Amino acid sequence: MAPRKKKEETNEVKITEITAEAVEKEAESKVKESSEEKSEKKGKKEVKKLSETELKRVMTDTKETLVPLTDYIACSVHLGTKVITPDMRRFVYKRRADGLAVLNTNLIDDKIREAVKFMAQFAPEDVFIACKREAGWPAVEKFAEVTGIRKFTKKYPAGIITNLQLETFFEAKMALICDPWVDKNALNDSTILGLPVLAICDTNNYTAGVKQMIPANNKSRKSVGIILFILAREYLKSMGKTDEAKKLKMEDFTGKIETAVEAEEAKKERKAKRYDAQAESVDVAEKVAEGV
């Protein structure tokens, strides 16, 4: 009887060990499944997050703009000043290492589109453009020539739209100004009459009195030029003058635009000239010191 009892005890131990092992394996399996489920869920979340980010990037990169983004960049439309007013902060993307504000180029393009629709409501004879800053004169001249819009460069004649007694008086329904600060006289007269104003506003501008604005560099010939080129082209299209619009050339407004290679070569050339000038200056100083 003793051996049989001992055998039964041994079998019980084995059954207990097998059962324990099975329970342990089942527990490990559940833990593994739970871990895999969590990992899978986490993976799905990560994939979803990456997909959204990728989508935003693709949408930004493939967005159709009025001119290629490379042209905007080449004309420095996006470069603001070191001063950022509260009115312009929402258009600023970041600051460069040198402190200059960088405007969001996509927002610039969006605002130019809005400006085009805004301008299309007015006939050329009811609009005038004012630009006191010399850098913008060539572009304004070309803009006025192709659109038939009245221009005021150098100096805006005070009272020309408010003083009925002036021989040069004319009635205006809209004003386009290149800088709310520099062209403040034109802005003030327009405000007095309640005229809607479209203005190119840099990061240092306040926008009081401006109804429609384009956030952009308004101190560079190329920047003002490319904006007026786009406005002129789209304005002509809105009037049904598509053929005339197609004939416009951007460089007639901006002047020659250097490619990246040309810009780099020009930079090297300027650097070389500065180096030569410094070397010549040192050479002259040495000769003077030697009494030659």
C-alpha atoms as a PDB file:
ATOM      1  CA  MET A   1       0.000   0.000   0.000  1.00  0.00           C
ATOM      2  CA  ALA A   2       2.828   2.366   0.794  1.00  0.00           C
ATOM      3  CA  PRO A   3       4.371   2.303  -2.694  1.00  0.00           C
ATOM      4  CA  ARG A   4       0.976   2.918  -4.302  1.00  0.00           C
ATOM      5  CA  LYS A   5       0.328   5.848  -1.998  1.00  0.00           C
ATOM      6  CA  LYS A   6       3.748   7.219  -2.776  1.00  0.00           C
ATOM      7  CA  LYS A   7       3.052   6.893  -6.519  1.00  0.00           C
ATOM      8  CA  GLU A   8      -0.266   8.702  -6.166  1.00  0.00           C
ATOM      9  CA  GLU A   9       1.465  11.538  -4.294  1.00  0.00           C
ATOM     10  CA  THR A  10       4.096  11.714  -7.046  1.00  0.00           C
ATOM     11  CA  ASN A  11       1.349  11.919  -9.694  1.00  0.00           C
ATOM     12  CA  GLU A  12      -0.379  14.663  -7.729  1.00  0.00           C
ATOM     13  CA  VAL A  13       2.848  16.638  -7.568  1.00  0.00           C
ATOM     14  CA  LYS A  14       3.344  16.227 -11.321  1.00  0.00           C
ATOM     15  CA  ILE A  15      -0.254  17.281 -12.026  1.00  0.00           C
ATOM     16  CA  THR A  16       0.221  20.266  -9.736  1.00  0.00           C
ATOM     17  CA  GLU A  17       3.480  21.210 -11.521  1.00  0.00           C
ATOM     18  CA  ILE A  18       1.837  20.830 -14.949  1.00  0.00           C
ATOM     19  CA  THR A  19      -1.153  22.888 -13.845  1.00  0.00           C
ATOM     20  CA  ALA A  20       1.110  25.574 -12.389  1.00  0.00           C
ATOM     21  CA  GLU A  21       3.171  25.612 -15.581  1.00  0.00           C
ATOM     22  CA  ALA A  22       0.019  25.915 -17.695  1.00  0.00           C
ATOM     23  CA  VAL A  23      -1.270  28.756 -15.540  1.00  0.00           C
ATOM     24  CA  GLU A  24       2.090  30.487 -15.774  1.00  0.00           C
ATOM     25  CA  LYS A  25       2.170  30.097 -19.563  1.00  0.00           C
ATOM     26  CA  GLU A  26      -1.397  31.376 -19.837  1.00  0.00           C
ATOM     27  CA  ALA A  27      -0.520  34.378 -17.685  1.00  0.00           C
ATOM     28  CA  GLU A  28       2.561  35.094 -19.804  1.00  0.00           C
ATOM     29  CA  SER A  29       0.441  34.779 -22.934  1.00  0.00           C
ATOM     30  CA  LYS A  30      -2.109  37.261 -21.615  1.00  0.00           C
ATOM     31  CA  VAL A  31       0.628  39.707 -20.610  1.00  0.00           C
ATOM     32  CA  LYS A  32       2.193  39.350 -24.051  1.00  0.00           C
ATOM     33  CA  GLU A  33      -1.164  39.865 -25.795  1.00  0.00           C
ATOM     34  CA  SER A  34      -1.888  42.882 -23.612  1.00  0.00           C
ATOM     35  CA  SER A  35       1.555  44.294 -24.353  1.00  0.00           C
ATOM     36  CA  GLU A  36       1.108  43.682 -28.083  1.00  0.00           C
ATOM     37  CA  GLU A  37      -2.326  45.338 -28.025  1.00  0.00           C
ATOM     38  CA  LYS A  38      -0.906  48.401 -26.260  1.00  0.00           C
ATOM     39  CA  SER A  39       2.007  48.510 -28.669  1.00  0.00           C
ATOM     40  CA  GLU A  40      -0.361  48.167 -31.623  1.00  0.00           C
ATOM     41  CA  LYS A  41      -2.600  50.952 -30.325  1.00  0.00           C
ATOM     42  CA  LYS A  42       0.419  53.146 -29.671  1.00  0.00           C
ATOM     43  CA  GLY A  43       1.701  52.365 -33.147  1.00  0.00           C
ATOM     44  CA  LYS A  44      -1.640  53.346 -34.649  1.00  0.00           C
ATOM     45  CA  LYS A  45      -1.588  56.640 -32.759  1.00  0.00           C
ATOM     46  CA  GLU A  46       1.960  57.352 -33.922  1.00  0.00           C
ATOM     47  CA  VAL A  47       1.093  56.481 -37.511  1.00  0.00           C
ATOM     48  CA  LYS A  48      -1.932  58.749 -37.332  1.00  0.00           C
ATOM     49  CA  LYS A  49       0.123  61.602 -35.900  1.00  0.00           C
ATOM     50  CA  LEU A  50       2.811  61.199 -38.544  1.00  0.00           C
ATOM     51  CA  SER A  51       0.181  61.075 -41.251  1.00  0.00           C
ATOM     52  CA  GLU A  52      -1.286  64.428 -40.153  1.00  0.00           C
ATOM     53  CA  THR A  53       2.150  66.015 -39.981  1.00  0.00           C
ATOM     54  CA  GLU A  54       3.065  64.614 -43.352  1.00  0.00           C
ATOM     55  CA  LEU A  55      -0.235  65.817 -44.772  1.00  0.00           C
ATOM     56  CA  LYS A  56       0.371  69.354 -43.523  1.00  0.00           C
ATOM     57  CA  ARG A  57       3.871  69.307 -44.989  1.00  0.00           C
ATOM     58  CA  VAL A  58       2.662  68.037 -48.340  1.00  0.00           C
ATOM     59  CA  MET A  59      -0.172  70.589 -48.414  1.00  0.00           C
ATOM     60  CA  THR A  60       2.296  73.394 -47.713  1.00  0.00           C
ATOM     61  CA  ASP A  61       4.838  72.198 -50.261  1.00  0.00           C
ATOM     62  CA  THR A  62       2.329  71.591 -53.027  1.00  0.00           C
ATOM     63  CA  LYS A  63       0.156  74.657 -52.490  1.00  0.00           C
ATOM     64  CA  GLU A  64      -0.333  76.569 -55.721  1.00  0.00           C
ATOM     65  CA  THR A  65       0.913  80.127 -55.334  1.00  0.00           C
ATOM     66  CA  LEU A  66       0.451  83.150 -57.596  1.00  0.00           C
ATOM     67  CA  VAL A  67       4.152  82.984 -58.483  1.00  0.00           C
ATOM     68  CA  PRO A  68       6.659  80.247 -57.601  1.00  0.00           C
ATOM     69  CA  LEU A  69       7.821  80.385 -53.973  1.00  0.00           C
ATOM     70  CA  THR A  70      11.382  80.677 -55.253  1.00  0.00           C
ATOM     71  CA  ASP A  71      10.452  84.032 -56.826  1.00  0.00           C
ATOM     72  CA  TYR A  72       9.018  85.287 -53.541  1.00  0.00           C
ATOM     73  CA  ILE A  73      12.214  84.262 -51.757  1.00  0.00           C
ATOM     74  CA  ALA A  74      14.492  85.703 -54.460  1.00  0.00           C
ATOM     75  CA  CYS A  75      12.709  89.058 -54.116  1.00  0.00           C
ATOM     76  CA  SER A  76      12.986  88.977 -50.281  1.00  0.00           C
ATOM     77  CA  VAL A  77       9.235  89.492 -49.888  1.00  0.00           C
ATOM     78  CA  HIS A  78       9.368  87.537 -46.625  1.00  0.00           C
ATOM     79  CA  LEU A  79      12.091  89.579 -44.921  1.00  0.00           C
ATOM     80  CA  GLY A  80      10.741  92.081 -42.417  1.00  0.00           C
ATOM     81  CA  THR A  81      12.497  94.411 -39.992  1.00  0.00           C
ATOM     82  CA  LYS A  82      13.807  93.959 -36.451  1.00  0.00           C
ATOM     83  CA  VAL A  83      10.692  95.738 -35.173  1.00  0.00           C
ATOM     84  CA  ILE A  84       7.418  93.818 -34.943  1.00  0.00           C
ATOM     85  CA  THR A  85       4.238  95.744 -34.133  1.00  0.00           C
ATOM     86  CA  PRO A  86       1.242  94.064 -32.469  1.00  0.00           C
ATOM     87  CA  ASP A  87      -0.693  94.519 -35.733  1.00  0.00           C
ATOM     88  CA  MET A  88       1.843  92.462 -37.684  1.00  0.00           C
ATOM     89  CA  ARG A  89       2.852  89.809 -35.149  1.00  0.00           C
ATOM     90  CA  ARG A  90       0.395  87.212 -36.484  1.00  0.00           C
ATOM     91  CA  PHE A  91       2.126  87.208 -39.870  1.00  0.00           C
ATOM     92  CA  VAL A  92       5.619  86.618 -38.483  1.00  0.00           C
ATOM     93  CA  TYR A  93       6.947  83.069 -38.795  1.00  0.00           C
ATOM     94  CA  LYS A  94      10.199  83.507 -36.841  1.00  0.00           C
ATOM     95  CA  ARG A  95      13.234  85.711 -36.275  1.00  0.00           C
ATOM     96  CA  ARG A  96      16.555  85.168 -37.995  1.00  0.00           C
ATOM     97  CA  ALA A  97      19.821  85.014 -36.087  1.00  0.00           C
ATOM     98  CA  ASP A  98      20.466  88.661 -37.006  1.00  0.00           C
ATOM     99  CA  GLY A  99      17.124  89.691 -35.461  1.00  0.00           C
ATOM    100  CA  LEU A 100      15.204  90.288 -38.686  1.00  0.00           C
ATOM    101  CA  ALA A 101      11.607  89.060 -38.655  1.00  0.00           C
ATOM    102  CA  VAL A 102      10.629  86.472 -41.259  1.00  0.00           C
ATOM    103  CA  LEU A 103       7.080  86.653 -42.625  1.00  0.00           C
ATOM    104  CA  ASN A 104       5.050  83.566 -43.488  1.00  0.00           C
ATOM    105  CA  THR A 105       5.233  83.332 -47.291  1.00  0.00           C
ATOM    106  CA  ASN A 106       1.999  81.344 -47.607  1.00  0.00           C
ATOM    107  CA  LEU A 107       0.133  84.043 -45.690  1.00  0.00           C
ATOM    108  CA  ILE A 108       1.632  86.681 -47.989  1.00  0.00           C
ATOM    109  CA  ASP A 109       0.294  84.784 -51.001  1.00  0.00           C
ATOM    110  CA  ASP A 110      -3.137  84.429 -49.382  1.00  0.00           C
ATOM    111  CA  LYS A 111      -3.291  88.158 -48.647  1.00  0.00           C
ATOM    112  CA  ILE A 112      -2.281  89.068 -52.204  1.00  0.00           C
ATOM    113  CA  ARG A 113      -5.167  86.917 -53.447  1.00  0.00           C
ATOM    114  CA  GLU A 114      -7.531  88.821 -51.147  1.00  0.00           C
ATOM    115  CA  ALA A 115      -6.063  92.125 -52.375  1.00  0.00           C
ATOM    116  CA  VAL A 116      -6.702  91.127 -55.996  1.00  0.00           C
ATOM    117  CA  LYS A 117     -10.405  90.477 -55.257  1.00  0.00           C
ATOM    118  CA  PHE A 118     -10.552  93.749 -53.343  1.00  0.00           C
ATOM    119  CA  MET A 119      -9.063  95.772 -56.234  1.00  0.00           C
ATOM    120  CA  ALA A 120     -11.292  94.111 -58.806  1.00  0.00           C
ATOM    121  CA  GLN A 121     -14.273  96.002 -57.358  1.00  0.00           C
ATOM    122  CA  PHE A 122     -12.902  99.358 -58.580  1.00  0.00           C
ATOM    123  CA  ALA A 123     -12.307 100.853 -62.007  1.00  0.00           C
ATOM    124  CA  PRO A 124      -8.795 102.182 -62.801  1.00  0.00           C
ATOM    125  CA  GLU A 125      -9.961 105.812 -62.889  1.00  0.00           C
ATOM    126  CA  ASP A 126     -11.297 105.497 -59.330  1.00  0.00           C
ATOM    127  CA  VAL A 127      -8.007 104.272 -57.845  1.00  0.00           C
ATOM    128  CA  PHE A 128      -4.657 105.911 -57.109  1.00  0.00           C
ATOM    129  CA  ILE A 129      -1.347 104.520 -55.894  1.00  0.00           C
ATOM    130  CA  ALA A 130       1.078 106.452 -53.661  1.00  0.00           C
ATOM    131  CA  CYS A 131       4.726 105.591 -53.082  1.00  0.00           C
ATOM    132  CA  LYS A 132       7.112 108.094 -51.537  1.00  0.00           C
ATOM    133  CA  ARG A 133       9.992 105.629 -51.075  1.00  0.00           C
ATOM    134  CA  GLU A 134      12.386 105.764 -54.021  1.00  0.00           C
ATOM    135  CA  ALA A 135      12.939 101.995 -54.107  1.00  0.00           C
ATOM    136  CA  GLY A 136       9.346 101.507 -55.253  1.00  0.00           C
ATOM    137  CA  TRP A 137       9.228 104.154 -58.001  1.00  0.00           C
ATOM    138  CA  PRO A 138      10.191 101.931 -60.993  1.00  0.00           C
ATOM    139  CA  ALA A 139       7.559  99.334 -60.076  1.00  0.00           C
ATOM    140  CA  VAL A 140       4.887 101.994 -59.478  1.00  0.00           C
ATOM    141  CA  GLU A 141       5.651 103.621 -62.841  1.00  0.00           C
ATOM    142  CA  LYS A 142       5.215 100.291 -64.626  1.00  0.00           C
ATOM    143  CA  PHE A 143       2.113  99.443 -62.591  1.00  0.00           C
ATOM    144  CA  ALA A 144       0.439 102.743 -63.516  1.00  0.00           C
ATOM    145  CA  GLU A 145       1.437 102.342 -67.156  1.00  0.00           C
ATOM    146  CA  VAL A 146      -0.153  98.910 -67.610  1.00  0.00           C
ATOM    147  CA  THR A 147      -3.253  99.380 -65.431  1.00  0.00           C
ATOM    148  CA  GLY A 148      -4.159 103.017 -66.127  1.00  0.00           C
ATOM    149  CA  ILE A 149      -4.256 103.754 -62.396  1.00  0.00           C
ATOM    150  CA  ARG A 150      -3.177 107.262 -61.316  1.00  0.00           C
ATOM    151  CA  LYS A 151       0.192 107.343 -59.522  1.00  0.00           C
ATOM    152  CA  PHE A 152       1.896 109.625 -57.008  1.00  0.00           C
ATOM    153  CA  THR A 153       5.608 109.059 -56.487  1.00  0.00           C
ATOM    154  CA  LYS A 154       8.183 111.228 -54.705  1.00  0.00           C
ATOM    155  CA  LYS A 155       5.584 113.488 -53.088  1.00  0.00           C
ATOM    156  CA  TYR A 156       1.882 113.046 -52.591  1.00  0.00           C
ATOM    157  CA  PRO A 157       0.044 116.363 -53.292  1.00  0.00           C
ATOM    158  CA  ALA A 158      -1.777 117.090 -50.036  1.00  0.00           C
ATOM    159  CA  GLY A 159      -5.482 117.737 -50.506  1.00  0.00           C
ATOM    160  CA  ILE A 160      -5.623 116.457 -54.067  1.00  0.00           C
ATOM    161  CA  ILE A 161      -8.609 114.243 -53.208  1.00  0.00           C
ATOM    162  CA  THR A 162     -10.068 116.427 -50.425  1.00  0.00           C
ATOM    163  CA  ASN A 163      -9.744 120.036 -51.647  1.00  0.00           C
ATOM    164  CA  LEU A 164     -12.333 120.851 -54.310  1.00  0.00           C
ATOM    165  CA  GLN A 165     -10.632 124.177 -55.126  1.00  0.00           C
ATOM    166  CA  LEU A 166      -7.466 122.534 -56.430  1.00  0.00           C
ATOM    167  CA  GLU A 167      -7.193 122.362 -60.225  1.00  0.00           C
ATOM    168  CA  THR A 168      -5.729 118.874 -59.896  1.00  0.00           C
ATOM    169  CA  PHE A 169      -8.550 117.659 -57.647  1.00  0.00           C
ATOM    170  CA  PHE A 170     -10.110 114.326 -58.554  1.00  0.00           C
ATOM    171  CA  GLU A 171     -12.546 111.953 -56.926  1.00  0.00           C
ATOM    172  CA  ALA A 172     -11.149 108.674 -55.739  1.00  0.00           C
ATOM    173  CA  LYS A 173     -12.885 105.558 -54.470  1.00  0.00           C
ATOM    174  CA  MET A 174      -9.884 103.541 -53.376  1.00  0.00           C
ATOM    175  CA  ALA A 175      -6.247 104.118 -52.421  1.00  0.00           C
ATOM    176  CA  LEU A 176      -3.248 101.810 -52.800  1.00  0.00           C
ATOM    177  CA  ILE A 177      -0.235 102.800 -50.691  1.00  0.00           C
ATOM    178  CA  CYS A 178       3.152 101.161 -50.439  1.00  0.00           C
ATOM    179  CA  ASP A 179       3.896 102.050 -46.797  1.00  0.00           C
ATOM    180  CA  PRO A 180       1.394 103.336 -44.204  1.00  0.00           C
ATOM    181  CA  TRP A 181       4.143 105.345 -42.468  1.00  0.00           C
ATOM    182  CA  VAL A 182       6.014 106.897 -45.394  1.00  0.00           C
ATOM    183  CA  ASP A 183       2.771 107.487 -47.301  1.00  0.00           C
ATOM    184  CA  LYS A 184       0.886 108.719 -44.240  1.00  0.00           C
ATOM    185  CA  ASN A 185      -0.416 111.868 -46.000  1.00  0.00           C
ATOM    186  CA  ALA A 186      -2.192 109.770 -48.600  1.00  0.00           C
ATOM    187  CA  LEU A 187      -3.463 107.494 -45.842  1.00  0.00           C
ATOM    188  CA  ASN A 188      -4.731 110.464 -43.803  1.00  0.00           C
ATOM    189  CA  ASP A 189      -6.627 111.987 -46.741  1.00  0.00           C
ATOM    190  CA  SER A 190      -8.158 108.601 -47.543  1.00  0.00           C
ATOM    191  CA  THR A 191      -9.171 108.159 -43.907  1.00  0.00           C
ATOM    192  CA  ILE A 192     -10.843 111.594 -43.854  1.00  0.00           C
ATOM    193  CA  LEU A 193     -12.954 110.632 -46.864  1.00  0.00           C
ATOM    194  CA  GLY A 194     -13.564 107.116 -45.612  1.00  0.00           C
ATOM    195  CA  LEU A 195     -11.917 105.567 -48.674  1.00  0.00           C
ATOM    196  CA  PRO A 196     -10.979 101.894 -48.481  1.00  0.00           C
ATOM    197  CA  VAL A 197      -7.184 101.554 -48.393  1.00  0.00           C
ATOM    198  CA  LEU A 198      -5.053  98.683 -49.634  1.00  0.00           C
ATOM    199  CA  ALA A 199      -1.524  98.840 -48.211  1.00  0.00           C
ATOM    200  CA  ILE A 200       1.703  96.865 -48.265  1.00  0.00           C
ATOM    201  CA  CYS A 201       2.612  96.560 -44.586  1.00  0.00           C
ATOM    202  CA  ASP A 202       6.011  95.568 -43.208  1.00  0.00           C
ATOM    203  CA  THR A 203       6.555  94.177 -39.709  1.00  0.00           C
ATOM    204  CA  ASN A 204       7.200  97.680 -38.307  1.00  0.00           C
ATOM    205  CA  ASN A 205       3.904  99.128 -39.626  1.00  0.00           C
ATOM    206  CA  TYR A 206       0.682  99.873 -37.794  1.00  0.00           C
ATOM    207  CA  THR A 207      -2.428  99.158 -39.824  1.00  0.00           C
ATOM    208  CA  ALA A 208      -4.871 101.782 -38.491  1.00  0.00           C
ATOM    209  CA  GLY A 209      -6.950 103.106 -41.396  1.00  0.00           C
ATOM    210  CA  VAL A 210      -6.003 100.186 -43.649  1.00  0.00           C
ATOM    211  CA  LYS A 211      -8.946  98.086 -44.848  1.00  0.00           C
ATOM    212  CA  GLN A 212      -7.030  95.477 -46.838  1.00  0.00           C
ATOM    213  CA  MET A 213      -3.344  94.757 -46.353  1.00  0.00           C
ATOM    214  CA  ILE A 214      -0.521  92.697 -47.796  1.00  0.00           C
ATOM    215  CA  PRO A 215       2.116  91.695 -45.212  1.00  0.00           C
ATOM    216  CA  ALA A 216       5.467  92.002 -46.974  1.00  0.00           C
ATOM    217  CA  ASN A 217       8.805  93.756 -47.208  1.00  0.00           C
ATOM    218  CA  ASN A 218       7.904  97.252 -48.499  1.00  0.00           C
ATOM    219  CA  LYS A 219      11.443  98.668 -48.516  1.00  0.00           C
ATOM    220  CA  SER A 220      13.002  96.698 -51.350  1.00  0.00           C
ATOM    221  CA  ARG A 221      12.550  97.392 -55.068  1.00  0.00           C
ATOM    222  CA  LYS A 222      12.279  93.697 -55.849  1.00  0.00           C
ATOM    223  CA  SER A 223       9.765  93.005 -53.092  1.00  0.00           C
ATOM    224  CA  VAL A 224       7.470  95.928 -53.986  1.00  0.00           C
ATOM    225  CA  GLY A 225       8.025  95.081 -57.644  1.00  0.00           C
ATOM    226  CA  ILE A 226       6.872  91.467 -57.463  1.00  0.00           C
ATOM    227  CA  ILE A 227       3.768  92.438 -55.462  1.00  0.00           C
ATOM    228  CA  LEU A 228       2.779  95.153 -57.946  1.00  0.00           C
ATOM    229  CA  PHE A 229       3.516  92.768 -60.817  1.00  0.00           C
ATOM    230  CA  ILE A 230       1.076  90.207 -59.403  1.00  0.00           C
ATOM    231  CA  LEU A 231      -1.548  92.869 -58.625  1.00  0.00           C
ATOM    232  CA  ALA A 232      -1.258  94.336 -62.132  1.00  0.00           C
ATOM    233  CA  ARG A 233      -1.454  90.946 -63.828  1.00  0.00           C
ATOM    234  CA  GLU A 234      -4.442  89.726 -61.828  1.00  0.00           C
ATOM    235  CA  TYR A 235      -6.194  93.110 -62.046  1.00  0.00           C
ATOM    236  CA  LEU A 236      -5.953  93.061 -65.835  1.00  0.00           C
ATOM    237  CA  LYS A 237      -7.344  89.534 -65.859  1.00  0.00           C
ATOM    238  CA  SER A 238     -10.302  90.671 -63.724  1.00  0.00           C
ATOM    239  CA  MET A 239     -11.070  93.289 -66.390  1.00  0.00           C
ATOM    240  CA  GLY A 240     -10.977  90.670 -69.132  1.00  0.00           C
ATOM    241  CA  LYS A 241      -7.577  91.819 -70.479  1.00  0.00           C
ATOM    242  CA  THR A 242      -6.008  88.358 -70.351  1.00  0.00           C
ATOM    243  CA  ASP A 243      -3.716  88.866 -73.357  1.00  0.00           C
ATOM    244  CA  GLU A 244      -2.248  92.031 -71.863  1.00  0.00           C
ATOM    245  CA  ALA A 245      -1.793  90.264 -68.532  1.00  0.00           C
ATOM    246  CA  LYS A 246       0.144  87.429 -70.177  1.00  0.00           C
ATOM    247  CA  LYS A 247       2.546  89.902 -71.800  1.00  0.00           C
ATOM    248  CA  LEU A 248       3.681  91.323 -68.461  1.00  0.00           C
ATOM    249  CA  LYS A 249       7.176  90.394 -67.341  1.00  0.00           C
ATOM    250  CA  MET A 250       8.114  90.294 -63.696  1.00  0.00           C
ATOM    251  CA  GLU A 251      11.577  91.755 -64.277  1.00  0.00           C
ATOM    252  CA  ASP A 252       9.991  94.900 -65.747  1.00  0.00           C
ATOM    253  CA  PHE A 253       8.738  95.553 -62.221  1.00  0.00           C
ATOM    254  CA  THR A 254      11.532  94.064 -60.094  1.00  0.00           C
ATOM    255  CA  GLY A 255      14.629  94.604 -62.173  1.00  0.00           C
ATOM    256  CA  LYS A 256      16.939  91.671 -62.834  1.00  0.00           C
ATOM    257  CA  ILE A 257      16.545  88.812 -60.370  1.00  0.00           C
ATOM    258  CA  GLU A 258      19.725  86.871 -59.677  1.00  0.00           C
ATOM    259  CA  THR A 259      19.669  83.094 -59.545  1.00  0.00           C
ATOM    260  CA  ALA A 260      21.121  81.368 -56.468  1.00  0.00           C
ATOM    261  CA  VAL A 261      24.395  80.755 -58.342  1.00  0.00           C
ATOM    262  CA  GLU A 262      24.604  84.357 -59.576  1.00  0.00           C
ATOM    263  CA  ALA A 263      23.841  85.667 -56.092  1.00  0.00           C
ATOM    264  CA  GLU A 264      26.612  83.526 -54.614  1.00  0.00           C
ATOM    265  CA  GLU A 265      29.097  84.655 -57.276  1.00  0.00           C
ATOM    266  CA  ALA A 266      28.153  88.293 -56.706  1.00  0.00           C
ATOM    267  CA  LYS A 267      28.659  87.798 -52.972  1.00  0.00           C
ATOM    268  CA  LYS A 268      32.113  86.314 -53.551  1.00  0.00           C
ATOM    269  CA  GLU A 269      32.976  89.176 -55.898  1.00  0.00           C
ATOM    270  CA  ARG A 270      31.949  91.789 -53.328  1.00  0.00           C
ATOM    271  CA  LYS A 271      33.957  89.984 -50.680  1.00  0.00           C
ATOM    272  CA  ALA A 272      37.005  89.881 -52.952  1.00  0.00           C
ATOM    273  CA  LYS A 273      36.670  93.616 -53.655  1.00  0.00           C
ATOM    274  CA  ARG A 274      36.515  94.388 -49.941  1.00  0.00           C
ATOM    275  CA  TYR A 275      39.578  92.250 -49.364  1.00  0.00           C
ATOM    276  CA  ASP A 276      41.484  94.033 -52.175  1.00  0.00           C
ATOM    277  CA  ALA A 277      40.458  97.426 -50.815  1.00  0.00           C
ATOM    278  CA  GLN A 278      41.662  96.476 -47.320  1.00  0.00           C
ATOM    279  CA  ALA A 279      44.949  95.145 -48.702  1.00  0.00           C
ATOM    280  CA  GLU A 280      45.482  98.347 -50.697  1.00  0.00           C
ATOM    281  CA  SER A 281      44.726 100.439 -47.619  1.00  0.00           C
ATOM    282  CA  VAL A 282      47.279  98.479 -45.572  1.00  0.00           C
ATOM    283  CA  ASP A 283      49.850  98.840 -48.365  1.00  0.00           C
ATOM    284  CA  VAL A 284      49.353 102.632 -48.483  1.00  0.00           C
ATOM    285  CA  ALA A 285      49.646 102.851 -44.704  1.00  0.00           C
ATOM    286  CA  GLU A 286      52.917 100.902 -44.755  1.00  0.00           C
ATOM    287  CA  LYS A 287      54.370 103.172 -47.448  1.00  0.00           C
ATOM    288  CA  VAL A 288      53.388 106.258 -45.478  1.00  0.00           C
ATOM    289  CA  ALA A 289      54.987 104.767 -42.370  1.00  0.00           C
ATOM    290  CA  GLU A 290      58.213 104.108 -44.323  1.00  0.00           C
ATOM    291  CA  GLY A 291      58.215 107.694 -45.586  1.00  0.00           C
ATOM    292  CA  VAL A 292      57.921 106.786 -49.239  1.00  0.00           C
END
